[in-house]
PDB file of N, CA and C in Angstrom:
ATOM      1  N   UNK A   1      25.410 -79.236 -13.249  1.00  0.00           N
ATOM      2  CA  UNK A   1      26.259 -78.160 -12.815  1.00  0.00           C
ATOM      3  C   UNK A   1      25.399 -76.960 -12.451  1.00  0.00           C
ATOM      4  N   UNK A   2      25.703 -76.332 -11.325  1.00  0.00           N
ATOM      5  CA  UNK A   2      24.909 -75.210 -10.841  1.00  0.00           C
ATOM      6  C   UNK A   2      24.942 -74.015 -11.776  1.00  0.00           C
ATOM      7  N   UNK A   3      26.005 -73.851 -12.545  1.00  0.00           N
ATOM      8  CA  UNK A   3      26.138 -72.682 -13.407  1.00  0.00           C
ATOM      9  C   UNK A   3      24.959 -72.558 -14.367  1.00  0.00           C
ATOM     10  N   UNK A   4      24.443 -73.678 -14.833  1.00  0.00           N
ATOM     11  CA  UNK A   4      23.340 -73.638 -15.786  1.00  0.00           C
ATOM     12  C   UNK A   4      21.973 -73.708 -15.106  1.00  0.00           C
ATOM     13  N   UNK A   5      21.958 -73.819 -13.786  1.00  0.00           N
ATOM     14  CA  UNK A   5      20.698 -73.909 -13.051  1.00  0.00           C
ATOM     15  C   UNK A   5      20.316 -72.554 -12.479  1.00  0.00           C
ATOM     16  N   UNK A   6      19.048 -72.329 -12.349  1.00  0.00           N
ATOM     17  CA  UNK A   6      18.572 -71.147 -11.642  1.00  0.00           C
ATOM     18  C   UNK A   6      18.213 -71.585 -10.234  1.00  0.00           C
ATOM     19  N   UNK A   7      18.788 -70.919  -9.257  1.00  0.00           N
ATOM     20  CA  UNK A   7      18.486 -71.233  -7.871  1.00  0.00           C
ATOM     21  C   UNK A   7      17.337 -70.339  -7.426  1.00  0.00           C
ATOM     22  N   UNK A   8      16.186 -70.937  -7.261  1.00  0.00           N
ATOM     23  CA  UNK A   8      14.987 -70.184  -6.912  1.00  0.00           C
ATOM     24  C   UNK A   8      14.619 -70.398  -5.452  1.00  0.00           C
ATOM     25  N   UNK A   9      14.222 -69.342  -4.799  1.00  0.00           N
ATOM     26  CA  UNK A   9      13.807 -69.402  -3.413  1.00  0.00           C
ATOM     27  C   UNK A   9      12.528 -68.613  -3.245  1.00  0.00           C
ATOM     28  N   UNK A  10      11.714 -69.034  -2.294  1.00  0.00           N
ATOM     29  CA  UNK A  10      10.498 -68.283  -1.994  1.00  0.00           C
ATOM     30  C   UNK A  10      10.885 -66.882  -1.546  1.00  0.00           C
ATOM     31  N   UNK A  11      10.150 -65.897  -2.033  1.00  0.00           N
ATOM     32  CA  UNK A  11      10.421 -64.510  -1.689  1.00  0.00           C
ATOM     33  C   UNK A  11      10.218 -64.297  -0.189  1.00  0.00           C
ATOM     34  N   UNK A  12       9.176 -64.868   0.356  1.00  0.00           N
ATOM     35  CA  UNK A  12       8.964 -64.878   1.800  1.00  0.00           C
ATOM     36  C   UNK A  12       8.046 -66.046   2.123  1.00  0.00           C
ATOM     37  N   UNK A  13       7.880 -66.327   3.378  1.00  0.00           N
ATOM     38  CA  UNK A  13       7.087 -67.484   3.793  1.00  0.00           C
ATOM     39  C   UNK A  13       5.602 -67.332   3.491  1.00  0.00           C
ATOM     40  N   UNK A  14       5.129 -66.108   3.287  1.00  0.00           N
ATOM     41  CA  UNK A  14       3.710 -65.857   3.076  1.00  0.00           C
ATOM     42  C   UNK A  14       3.321 -65.920   1.598  1.00  0.00           C
ATOM     43  N   UNK A  15       4.295 -66.107   0.723  1.00  0.00           N
ATOM     44  CA  UNK A  15       4.033 -66.021  -0.708  1.00  0.00           C
ATOM     45  C   UNK A  15       4.487 -67.285  -1.414  1.00  0.00           C
ATOM     46  N   UNK A  16       3.806 -67.603  -2.493  1.00  0.00           N
ATOM     47  CA  UNK A  16       4.218 -68.731  -3.328  1.00  0.00           C
ATOM     48  C   UNK A  16       5.181 -68.275  -4.424  1.00  0.00           C
ATOM     49  N   UNK A  17       5.416 -66.962  -4.509  1.00  0.00           N
ATOM     50  CA  UNK A  17       6.336 -66.427  -5.512  1.00  0.00           C
ATOM     51  C   UNK A  17       7.768 -66.820  -5.182  1.00  0.00           C
ATOM     52  N   UNK A  18       8.582 -66.945  -6.222  1.00  0.00           N
ATOM     53  CA  UNK A  18       9.987 -67.250  -5.996  1.00  0.00           C
ATOM     54  C   UNK A  18      10.849 -66.327  -6.839  1.00  0.00           C
ATOM     55  N   UNK A  19      12.084 -66.191  -6.448  1.00  0.00           N
ATOM     56  CA  UNK A  19      13.022 -65.328  -7.166  1.00  0.00           C
ATOM     57  C   UNK A  19      14.386 -65.993  -7.190  1.00  0.00           C
ATOM     58  N   UNK A  20      15.137 -65.731  -8.247  1.00  0.00           N
ATOM     59  CA  UNK A  20      16.484 -66.281  -8.347  1.00  0.00           C
ATOM     60  C   UNK A  20      17.390 -65.562  -7.348  1.00  0.00           C
ATOM     61  N   UNK A  21      18.257 -66.331  -6.692  1.00  0.00           N
ATOM     62  CA  UNK A  21      19.230 -65.738  -5.777  1.00  0.00           C
ATOM     63  C   UNK A  21      20.179 -64.832  -6.550  1.00  0.00           C
ATOM     64  N   UNK A  22      20.653 -63.740  -5.945  1.00  0.00           N
ATOM     65  CA  UNK A  22      21.660 -62.910  -6.599  1.00  0.00           C
ATOM     66  C   UNK A  22      22.957 -63.709  -6.785  1.00  0.00           C
ATOM     67  N   UNK A  23      23.671 -63.466  -7.876  1.00  0.00           N
ATOM     68  CA  UNK A  23      24.938 -64.155  -8.137  1.00  0.00           C
ATOM     69  C   UNK A  23      26.087 -63.186  -7.910  1.00  0.00           C
ATOM     70  N   UNK A  24      27.241 -63.735  -7.515  1.00  0.00           N
ATOM     71  CA  UNK A  24      28.427 -62.929  -7.224  1.00  0.00           C
ATOM     72  C   UNK A  24      29.636 -63.545  -7.906  1.00  0.00           C
ATOM     73  N   UNK A  25      30.599 -62.703  -8.272  1.00  0.00           N
ATOM     74  CA  UNK A  25      31.844 -63.184  -8.860  1.00  0.00           C
ATOM     75  C   UNK A  25      32.977 -62.858  -7.905  1.00  0.00           C
ATOM     76  N   UNK A  26      33.861 -63.809  -7.689  1.00  0.00           N
ATOM     77  CA  UNK A  26      34.966 -63.640  -6.750  1.00  0.00           C
ATOM     78  C   UNK A  26      36.096 -62.815  -7.367  1.00  0.00           C
ATOM     79  N   UNK A  27      36.672 -61.948  -6.563  1.00  0.00           N
ATOM     80  CA  UNK A  27      37.835 -61.172  -6.973  1.00  0.00           C
ATOM     81  C   UNK A  27      38.851 -61.087  -5.834  1.00  0.00           C
ATOM     82  N   UNK A  28      38.716 -61.962  -4.852  1.00  0.00           N
ATOM     83  CA  UNK A  28      39.585 -61.947  -3.683  1.00  0.00           C
ATOM     84  C   UNK A  28      40.937 -62.566  -3.996  1.00  0.00           C
ATOM     85  N   UNK A  29      41.940 -62.135  -3.241  1.00  0.00           N
ATOM     86  CA  UNK A  29      43.250 -62.776  -3.267  1.00  0.00           C
ATOM     87  C   UNK A  29      43.386 -63.495  -1.931  1.00  0.00           C
ATOM     88  N   UNK A  30      43.776 -64.745  -1.975  1.00  0.00           N
ATOM     89  CA  UNK A  30      43.899 -65.559  -0.767  1.00  0.00           C
ATOM     90  C   UNK A  30      45.235 -66.293  -0.785  1.00  0.00           C
ATOM     91  N   UNK A  31      45.608 -66.823   0.363  1.00  0.00           N
ATOM     92  CA  UNK A  31      46.733 -67.746   0.463  1.00  0.00           C
ATOM     93  C   UNK A  31      46.121 -69.128   0.592  1.00  0.00           C
ATOM     94  N   UNK A  32      46.724 -70.112  -0.042  1.00  0.00           N
ATOM     95  CA  UNK A  32      46.139 -71.454   0.020  1.00  0.00           C
ATOM     96  C   UNK A  32      47.195 -72.525  -0.210  1.00  0.00           C
ATOM     97  N   UNK A  33      46.958 -73.665   0.400  1.00  0.00           N
ATOM     98  CA  UNK A  33      47.798 -74.846   0.203  1.00  0.00           C
ATOM     99  C   UNK A  33      46.894 -76.046  -0.050  1.00  0.00           C
ATOM    100  N   UNK A  34      47.237 -76.823  -1.068  1.00  0.00           N
ATOM    101  CA  UNK A  34      46.499 -78.057  -1.335  1.00  0.00           C
ATOM    102  C   UNK A  34      46.880 -79.076  -0.265  1.00  0.00           C
ATOM    103  N   UNK A  35      45.895 -79.814   0.218  1.00  0.00           N
ATOM    104  CA  UNK A  35      46.098 -80.746   1.331  1.00  0.00           C
ATOM    105  C   UNK A  35      46.464 -82.137   0.819  1.00  0.00           C
ATOM    106  N   UNK A  36      47.633 -82.610   1.265  1.00  0.00           N
ATOM    107  CA  UNK A  36      48.109 -83.955   0.913  1.00  0.00           C
ATOM    108  C   UNK A  36      47.699 -84.974   1.976  1.00  0.00           C
ATOM    109  N   UNK A  37      47.711 -84.551   3.226  1.00  0.00           N
ATOM    110  CA  UNK A  37      47.379 -85.471   4.310  1.00  0.00           C
ATOM    111  C   UNK A  37      46.826 -84.747   5.520  1.00  0.00           C
ATOM    112  N   UNK A  38      46.040 -85.481   6.308  1.00  0.00           N
ATOM    113  CA  UNK A  38      45.472 -84.949   7.549  1.00  0.00           C
ATOM    114  C   UNK A  38      45.645 -86.014   8.626  1.00  0.00           C
ATOM    115  N   UNK A  39      46.336 -85.650   9.693  1.00  0.00           N
ATOM    116  CA  UNK A  39      46.501 -86.559  10.836  1.00  0.00           C
ATOM    117  C   UNK A  39      45.691 -85.978  11.994  1.00  0.00           C
ATOM    118  N   UNK A  40      44.612 -86.662  12.337  1.00  0.00           N
ATOM    119  CA  UNK A  40      43.733 -86.171  13.393  1.00  0.00           C
ATOM    120  C   UNK A  40      44.311 -86.491  14.757  1.00  0.00           C
ATOM    121  N   UNK A  41      44.164 -85.544  15.683  1.00  0.00           N
ATOM    122  CA  UNK A  41      44.595 -85.742  17.062  1.00  0.00           C
ATOM    123  C   UNK A  41      43.389 -86.252  17.843  1.00  0.00           C
ATOM    124  N   UNK A  42      43.473 -87.444  18.407  1.00  0.00           N
ATOM    125  CA  UNK A  42      42.323 -87.970  19.152  1.00  0.00           C
ATOM    126  C   UNK A  42      42.107 -87.208  20.458  1.00  0.00           C
ATOM    127  N   UNK A  43      40.878 -87.218  20.901  1.00  0.00           N
ATOM    128  CA  UNK A  43      40.517 -86.606  22.168  1.00  0.00           C
ATOM    129  C   UNK A  43      41.112 -87.453  23.294  1.00  0.00           C
ATOM    130  N   UNK A  44      41.944 -86.859  24.151  1.00  0.00           N
ATOM    131  CA  UNK A  44      42.526 -87.639  25.250  1.00  0.00           C
ATOM    132  C   UNK A  44      41.522 -87.999  26.343  1.00  0.00           C
ATOM    133  N   UNK A  45      40.332 -87.405  26.310  1.00  0.00           N
ATOM    134  CA  UNK A  45      39.294 -87.687  27.300  1.00  0.00           C
ATOM    135  C   UNK A  45      38.544 -88.948  26.883  1.00  0.00           C
ATOM    136  N   UNK A  46      38.879 -90.065  27.473  1.00  0.00           N
ATOM    137  CA  UNK A  46      38.242 -91.337  27.125  1.00  0.00           C
ATOM    138  C   UNK A  46      36.881 -91.517  27.790  1.00  0.00           C
ATOM    139  N   UNK A  47      36.489 -90.576  28.662  1.00  0.00           N
ATOM    140  CA  UNK A  47      35.189 -90.689  29.326  1.00  0.00           C
ATOM    141  C   UNK A  47      34.049 -90.237  28.417  1.00  0.00           C
ATOM    142  N   UNK A  48      34.361 -89.450  27.389  1.00  0.00           N
ATOM    143  CA  UNK A  48      33.331 -88.928  26.499  1.00  0.00           C
ATOM    144  C   UNK A  48      32.650 -87.685  27.022  1.00  0.00           C
ATOM    145  N   UNK A  49      33.076 -87.180  28.176  1.00  0.00           N
ATOM    146  CA  UNK A  49      32.434 -86.015  28.788  1.00  0.00           C
ATOM    147  C   UNK A  49      32.739 -84.706  28.068  1.00  0.00           C
ATOM    148  N   UNK A  50      33.817 -84.665  27.300  1.00  0.00           N
ATOM    149  CA  UNK A  50      34.183 -83.403  26.646  1.00  0.00           C
ATOM    150  C   UNK A  50      33.393 -83.161  25.368  1.00  0.00           C
ATOM    151  N   UNK A  51      32.685 -84.163  24.879  1.00  0.00           N
ATOM    152  CA  UNK A  51      31.846 -84.040  23.678  1.00  0.00           C
ATOM    153  C   UNK A  51      32.625 -83.606  22.445  1.00  0.00           C
ATOM    154  N   UNK A  52      33.880 -83.940  22.367  1.00  0.00           N
ATOM    155  CA  UNK A  52      34.683 -83.574  21.208  1.00  0.00           C
ATOM    156  C   UNK A  52      35.351 -84.815  20.654  1.00  0.00           C
ATOM    157  N   UNK A  53      35.170 -85.063  19.364  1.00  0.00           N
ATOM    158  CA  UNK A  53      35.770 -86.235  18.736  1.00  0.00           C
ATOM    159  C   UNK A  53      37.202 -85.958  18.312  1.00  0.00           C
ATOM    160  N   UNK A  54      37.559 -84.699  18.177  1.00  0.00           N
ATOM    161  CA  UNK A  54      38.878 -84.341  17.677  1.00  0.00           C
ATOM    162  C   UNK A  54      39.484 -83.229  18.514  1.00  0.00           C
ATOM    163  N   UNK A  55      40.777 -83.283  18.672  1.00  0.00           N
ATOM    164  CA  UNK A  55      41.504 -82.191  19.311  1.00  0.00           C
ATOM    165  C   UNK A  55      42.349 -81.485  18.274  1.00  0.00           C
ATOM    166  N   UNK A  56      41.821 -81.378  17.082  1.00  0.00           N
ATOM    167  CA  UNK A  56      42.541 -80.721  16.010  1.00  0.00           C
ATOM    168  C   UNK A  56      43.236 -81.732  15.124  1.00  0.00           C
ATOM    169  N   UNK A  57      44.132 -81.228  14.293  1.00  0.00           N
ATOM    170  CA  UNK A  57      44.817 -82.102  13.349  1.00  0.00           C
ATOM    171  C   UNK A  57      46.105 -81.448  12.883  1.00  0.00           C
ATOM    172  N   UNK A  58      46.918 -82.255  12.223  1.00  0.00           N
ATOM    173  CA  UNK A  58      48.119 -81.773  11.556  1.00  0.00           C
ATOM    174  C   UNK A  58      47.881 -81.962  10.066  1.00  0.00           C
ATOM    175  N   UNK A  59      47.994 -80.876   9.314  1.00  0.00           N
ATOM    176  CA  UNK A  59      47.792 -80.920   7.866  1.00  0.00           C
ATOM    177  C   UNK A  59      49.142 -80.944   7.168  1.00  0.00           C
ATOM    178  N   UNK A  60      49.278 -81.846   6.208  1.00  0.00           N
ATOM    179  CA  UNK A  60      50.474 -81.931   5.377  1.00  0.00           C
ATOM    180  C   UNK A  60      50.137 -81.356   4.007  1.00  0.00           C
ATOM    181  N   UNK A  61      50.821 -80.270   3.603  1.00  0.00           N
ATOM    182  CA  UNK A  61      50.568 -79.699   2.280  1.00  0.00           C
ATOM    183  C   UNK A  61      51.118 -80.589   1.166  1.00  0.00           C
ATOM    184  N   UNK A  62      50.499 -80.508   0.003  1.00  0.00           N
ATOM    185  CA  UNK A  62      50.962 -81.265  -1.154  1.00  0.00           C
ATOM    186  C   UNK A  62      52.314 -80.749  -1.642  1.00  0.00           C
ATOM    187  N   UNK A  63      52.531 -79.443  -1.539  1.00  0.00           N
ATOM    188  CA  UNK A  63      53.791 -78.827  -1.958  1.00  0.00           C
ATOM    189  C   UNK A  63      54.853 -79.106  -0.895  1.00  0.00           C
ATOM    190  N   UNK A  64      55.898 -79.859  -1.271  1.00  0.00           N
ATOM    191  CA  UNK A  64      56.942 -80.245  -0.318  1.00  0.00           C
ATOM    192  C   UNK A  64      57.738 -79.059   0.222  1.00  0.00           C
ATOM    193  N   UNK A  65      57.587 -77.890  -0.368  1.00  0.00           N
ATOM    194  CA  UNK A  65      58.288 -76.706   0.100  1.00  0.00           C
ATOM    195  C   UNK A  65      57.697 -76.126   1.377  1.00  0.00           C
ATOM    196  N   UNK A  66      56.576 -76.665   1.832  1.00  0.00           N
ATOM    197  CA  UNK A  66      55.913 -76.182   3.040  1.00  0.00           C
ATOM    198  C   UNK A  66      55.788 -77.319   4.037  1.00  0.00           C
ATOM    199  N   UNK A  67      56.016 -77.002   5.300  1.00  0.00           N
ATOM    200  CA  UNK A  67      55.950 -78.014   6.341  1.00  0.00           C
ATOM    201  C   UNK A  67      54.540 -78.259   6.835  1.00  0.00           C
ATOM    202  N   UNK A  68      54.415 -79.307   7.630  1.00  0.00           N
ATOM    203  CA  UNK A  68      53.138 -79.628   8.271  1.00  0.00           C
ATOM    204  C   UNK A  68      52.764 -78.507   9.232  1.00  0.00           C
ATOM    205  N   UNK A  69      51.474 -78.334   9.476  1.00  0.00           N
ATOM    206  CA  UNK A  69      51.020 -77.325  10.428  1.00  0.00           C
ATOM    207  C   UNK A  69      49.761 -77.824  11.128  1.00  0.00           C
ATOM    208  N   UNK A  70      49.548 -77.301  12.330  1.00  0.00           N
ATOM    209  CA  UNK A  70      48.401 -77.710  13.138  1.00  0.00           C
ATOM    210  C   UNK A  70      47.197 -76.817  12.882  1.00  0.00           C
ATOM    211  N   UNK A  71      46.021 -77.424  12.975  1.00  0.00           N
ATOM    212  CA  UNK A  71      44.760 -76.682  12.952  1.00  0.00           C
ATOM    213  C   UNK A  71      43.953 -77.100  14.182  1.00  0.00           C
ATOM    214  N   UNK A  72      43.098 -76.214  14.629  1.00  0.00           N
ATOM    215  CA  UNK A  72      42.338 -76.450  15.862  1.00  0.00           C
ATOM    216  C   UNK A  72      41.182 -77.424  15.660  1.00  0.00           C
ATOM    217  N   UNK A  73      40.661 -77.905  16.775  1.00  0.00           N
ATOM    218  CA  UNK A  73      39.470 -78.760  16.744  1.00  0.00           C
ATOM    219  C   UNK A  73      38.289 -77.988  16.162  1.00  0.00           C
ATOM    220  N   UNK A  74      38.203 -76.698  16.471  1.00  0.00           N
ATOM    221  CA  UNK A  74      37.123 -75.867  15.938  1.00  0.00           C
ATOM    222  C   UNK A  74      37.191 -75.804  14.410  1.00  0.00           C
ATOM    223  N   UNK A  75      38.410 -75.671  13.877  1.00  0.00           N
ATOM    224  CA  UNK A  75      38.582 -75.639  12.417  1.00  0.00           C
ATOM    225  C   UNK A  75      38.109 -76.959  11.810  1.00  0.00           C
ATOM    226  N   UNK A  76      38.521 -78.069  12.402  1.00  0.00           N
ATOM    227  CA  UNK A  76      38.147 -79.400  11.901  1.00  0.00           C
ATOM    228  C   UNK A  76      36.628 -79.579  11.936  1.00  0.00           C
ATOM    229  N   UNK A  77      36.004 -79.240  13.054  1.00  0.00           N
ATOM    230  CA  UNK A  77      34.553 -79.428  13.197  1.00  0.00           C
ATOM    231  C   UNK A  77      33.759 -78.519  12.264  1.00  0.00           C
ATOM    232  N   UNK A  78      34.217 -77.288  12.081  1.00  0.00           N
ATOM    233  CA  UNK A  78      33.482 -76.331  11.258  1.00  0.00           C
ATOM    234  C   UNK A  78      33.666 -76.582   9.767  1.00  0.00           C
ATOM    235  N   UNK A  79      34.906 -76.829   9.328  1.00  0.00           N
ATOM    236  CA  UNK A  79      35.206 -76.881   7.893  1.00  0.00           C
ATOM    237  C   UNK A  79      35.306 -78.290   7.321  1.00  0.00           C
ATOM    238  N   UNK A  80      35.538 -79.288   8.170  1.00  0.00           N
ATOM    239  CA  UNK A  80      35.634 -80.686   7.720  1.00  0.00           C
ATOM    240  C   UNK A  80      36.548 -80.836   6.497  1.00  0.00           C
ATOM    241  N   UNK A  81      37.828 -80.448   6.653  1.00  0.00           N
ATOM    242  CA  UNK A  81      38.751 -80.513   5.515  1.00  0.00           C
ATOM    243  C   UNK A  81      38.942 -81.938   5.020  1.00  0.00           C
ATOM    244  N   UNK A  82      39.250 -82.054   3.741  1.00  0.00           N
ATOM    245  CA  UNK A  82      39.474 -83.356   3.115  1.00  0.00           C
ATOM    246  C   UNK A  82      40.749 -83.305   2.290  1.00  0.00           C
ATOM    247  N   UNK A  83      41.402 -84.444   2.193  1.00  0.00           N
ATOM    248  CA  UNK A  83      42.602 -84.565   1.369  1.00  0.00           C
ATOM    249  C   UNK A  83      42.239 -84.211  -0.071  1.00  0.00           C
ATOM    250  N   UNK A  84      43.108 -83.425  -0.705  1.00  0.00           N
ATOM    251  CA  UNK A  84      42.880 -82.996  -2.083  1.00  0.00           C
ATOM    252  C   UNK A  84      42.258 -81.621  -2.185  1.00  0.00           C
ATOM    253  N   UNK A  85      41.654 -81.149  -1.079  1.00  0.00           N
ATOM    254  CA  UNK A  85      41.082 -79.807  -1.053  1.00  0.00           C
ATOM    255  C   UNK A  85      42.129 -78.792  -0.635  1.00  0.00           C
ATOM    256  N   UNK A  86      41.696 -77.580  -0.350  1.00  0.00           N
ATOM    257  CA  UNK A  86      42.618 -76.491  -0.038  1.00  0.00           C
ATOM    258  C   UNK A  86      42.364 -75.894   1.339  1.00  0.00           C
ATOM    259  N   UNK A  87      43.445 -75.678   2.082  1.00  0.00           N
ATOM    260  CA  UNK A  87      43.442 -74.881   3.305  1.00  0.00           C
ATOM    261  C   UNK A  87      43.607 -73.441   2.828  1.00  0.00           C
ATOM    262  N   UNK A  88      42.657 -72.568   3.176  1.00  0.00           N
ATOM    263  CA  UNK A  88      42.619 -71.213   2.627  1.00  0.00           C
ATOM    264  C   UNK A  88      42.663 -70.186   3.757  1.00  0.00           C
ATOM    265  N   UNK A  89      43.469 -69.136   3.565  1.00  0.00           N
ATOM    266  CA  UNK A  89      43.534 -68.030   4.520  1.00  0.00           C
ATOM    267  C   UNK A  89      43.228 -66.734   3.769  1.00  0.00           C
ATOM    268  N   UNK A  90      42.253 -65.983   4.276  1.00  0.00           N
ATOM    269  CA  UNK A  90      41.830 -64.726   3.663  1.00  0.00           C
ATOM    270  C   UNK A  90      42.619 -63.547   4.236  1.00  0.00           C
ATOM    271  N   UNK A  91      42.514 -62.383   3.589  1.00  0.00           N
ATOM    272  CA  UNK A  91      43.232 -61.174   4.011  1.00  0.00           C
ATOM    273  C   UNK A  91      43.011 -60.824   5.475  1.00  0.00           C
ATOM    274  N   UNK A  92      41.806 -61.061   5.972  1.00  0.00           N
ATOM    275  CA  UNK A  92      41.495 -60.707   7.359  1.00  0.00           C
ATOM    276  C   UNK A  92      41.927 -61.779   8.352  1.00  0.00           C
ATOM    277  N   UNK A  93      42.608 -62.835   7.856  1.00  0.00           N
ATOM    278  CA  UNK A  93      43.097 -63.895   8.727  1.00  0.00           C
ATOM    279  C   UNK A  93      42.155 -65.071   8.884  1.00  0.00           C
ATOM    280  N   UNK A  94      40.945 -64.969   8.335  1.00  0.00           N
ATOM    281  CA  UNK A  94      39.977 -66.058   8.444  1.00  0.00           C
ATOM    282  C   UNK A  94      40.501 -67.287   7.709  1.00  0.00           C
ATOM    283  N   UNK A  95      40.427 -68.434   8.362  1.00  0.00           N
ATOM    284  CA  UNK A  95      40.905 -69.695   7.791  1.00  0.00           C
ATOM    285  C   UNK A  95      39.720 -70.561   7.412  1.00  0.00           C
ATOM    286  N   UNK A  96      39.804 -71.185   6.238  1.00  0.00           N
ATOM    287  CA  UNK A  96      38.689 -71.962   5.725  1.00  0.00           C
ATOM    288  C   UNK A  96      39.206 -73.169   4.956  1.00  0.00           C
ATOM    289  N   UNK A  97      38.278 -73.945   4.437  1.00  0.00           N
ATOM    290  CA  UNK A  97      38.587 -75.082   3.572  1.00  0.00           C
ATOM    291  C   UNK A  97      37.753 -74.942   2.314  1.00  0.00           C
ATOM    292  N   UNK A  98      38.342 -75.316   1.183  1.00  0.00           N
ATOM    293  CA  UNK A  98      37.603 -75.303  -0.075  1.00  0.00           C
ATOM    294  C   UNK A  98      37.862 -76.604  -0.815  1.00  0.00           C
ATOM    295  N   UNK A  99      36.813 -77.275  -1.290  1.00  0.00           N
ATOM    296  CA  UNK A  99      37.028 -78.461  -2.125  1.00  0.00           C
ATOM    297  C   UNK A  99      37.826 -78.067  -3.369  1.00  0.00           C
ATOM    298  N   UNK A 100      38.629 -78.992  -3.877  1.00  0.00           N
ATOM    299  CA  UNK A 100      39.508 -78.702  -5.011  1.00  0.00           C
ATOM    300  C   UNK A 100      38.755 -78.150  -6.210  1.00  0.00           C
ATOM    301  N   UNK A 101      37.642 -78.760  -6.574  1.00  0.00           N
ATOM    302  CA  UNK A 101      36.924 -78.323  -7.777  1.00  0.00           C
ATOM    303  C   UNK A 101      36.452 -76.880  -7.654  1.00  0.00           C
ATOM    304  N   UNK A 102      35.912 -76.505  -6.506  1.00  0.00           N
ATOM    305  CA  UNK A 102      35.439 -75.135  -6.302  1.00  0.00           C
ATOM    306  C   UNK A 102      36.608 -74.155  -6.289  1.00  0.00           C
ATOM    307  N   UNK A 103      37.685 -74.518  -5.602  1.00  0.00           N
ATOM    308  CA  UNK A 103      38.832 -73.618  -5.509  1.00  0.00           C
ATOM    309  C   UNK A 103      39.503 -73.429  -6.863  1.00  0.00           C
ATOM    310  N   UNK A 104      39.778 -74.529  -7.542  1.00  0.00           N
ATOM    311  CA  UNK A 104      40.512 -74.469  -8.806  1.00  0.00           C
ATOM    312  C   UNK A 104      39.713 -73.798  -9.921  1.00  0.00           C
ATOM    313  N   UNK A 105      38.395 -73.828  -9.841  1.00  0.00           N
ATOM    314  CA  UNK A 105      37.593 -73.150 -10.861  1.00  0.00           C
ATOM    315  C   UNK A 105      37.434 -71.660 -10.561  1.00  0.00           C
ATOM    316  N   UNK A 106      37.765 -71.239  -9.345  1.00  0.00           N
ATOM    317  CA  UNK A 106      37.588 -69.844  -8.970  1.00  0.00           C
ATOM    318  C   UNK A 106      38.859 -69.054  -8.749  1.00  0.00           C
ATOM    319  N   UNK A 107      39.996 -69.741  -8.629  1.00  0.00           N
ATOM    320  CA  UNK A 107      41.250 -69.059  -8.334  1.00  0.00           C
ATOM    321  C   UNK A 107      42.353 -69.523  -9.275  1.00  0.00           C
ATOM    322  N   UNK A 108      43.273 -68.605  -9.592  1.00  0.00           N
ATOM    323  CA  UNK A 108      44.475 -68.924 -10.363  1.00  0.00           C
ATOM    324  C   UNK A 108      45.675 -68.457  -9.544  1.00  0.00           C
ATOM    325  N   UNK A 109      46.737 -69.240  -9.543  1.00  0.00           N
ATOM    326  CA  UNK A 109      47.929 -68.877  -8.775  1.00  0.00           C
ATOM    327  C   UNK A 109      48.561 -67.615  -9.360  1.00  0.00           C
ATOM    328  N   UNK A 110      48.982 -66.694  -8.478  1.00  0.00           N
ATOM    329  CA  UNK A 110      49.615 -65.448  -8.941  1.00  0.00           C
ATOM    330  C   UNK A 110      51.052 -65.364  -8.485  1.00  0.00           C
TER     331      UNK A 110
END
């Protein structure tokens, strides 16, 4: 577990000295839904010229009180969401993905 490890990095490329990375504690409030399912939209370009494997996806939340919603191909490529993890939206509107273990150890429902 990383909590008991010291993450050491070279101070600079010219030195053999190393220093522990600064640590931070989260205090953010976010909106999040646990992911029950992901249906990927295939690229309609069968020629392969668009260089995109996905045209986004439809995410199904685990909580039945919320409907399915679409995410962009950029979201899929950047965050690589997985079933069981969380779709997360920050105060500034930034959308992300968090693995369940990381999210559940850092956030409590309010």
